[in-house]
């Protein structure tokens, strides 16, 4: 259970660092992204 959660966090971080980083900056302006 714990290891799987750690793996998910790592995957999410890598995705954010590679492709979603610019999207998050733009998303800060929109209220929809605040849910994430």
Protein backbone atom coordinates (compact mmCIF):
# COMPACT_ATOMS: atom_id res chain seq x y z
CA UNK A 1 0.00 0.00 0.00
CA UNK A 2 2.65 2.50 1.07
CA UNK A 3 5.05 1.66 -1.75
CA UNK A 4 2.31 2.02 -4.35
CA UNK A 5 1.43 5.48 -3.03
CA UNK A 6 5.08 6.52 -3.17
CA UNK A 7 5.31 5.32 -6.76
CA UNK A 8 2.22 7.33 -7.65
CA UNK A 9 3.66 10.45 -6.04
CA UNK A 10 6.88 9.99 -7.99
CA UNK A 11 4.99 9.57 -11.27
CA UNK A 12 2.87 12.64 -10.57
CA UNK A 13 5.96 14.70 -9.73
CA UNK A 14 7.76 13.62 -12.89
CA UNK A 15 4.71 14.42 -15.04
CA UNK A 16 4.36 17.84 -13.42
CA UNK A 17 8.07 18.55 -13.89
CA UNK A 18 8.03 17.54 -17.56
CA UNK A 19 4.76 18.57 -19.18
CA UNK A 20 2.27 19.92 -16.64
CA UNK A 21 4.55 22.56 -15.10
CA UNK A 22 3.59 25.25 -17.64
CA UNK A 23 -0.06 24.21 -17.41
CA UNK A 24 -0.08 24.64 -13.64
CA UNK A 25 1.22 28.20 -13.97
CA UNK A 26 -1.59 29.01 -16.38
CA UNK A 27 -4.09 27.08 -14.27
CA UNK A 28 -3.43 29.29 -11.26
CA UNK A 29 -5.43 31.97 -13.03
CA UNK A 30 -8.43 29.66 -13.47
CA UNK A 31 -10.52 28.55 -10.45
CA UNK A 32 -10.96 25.04 -11.89
CA UNK A 33 -7.33 24.02 -11.31
CA UNK A 34 -7.60 24.96 -7.63
CA UNK A 35 -9.29 21.59 -7.09
CA UNK A 36 -6.06 19.82 -8.01
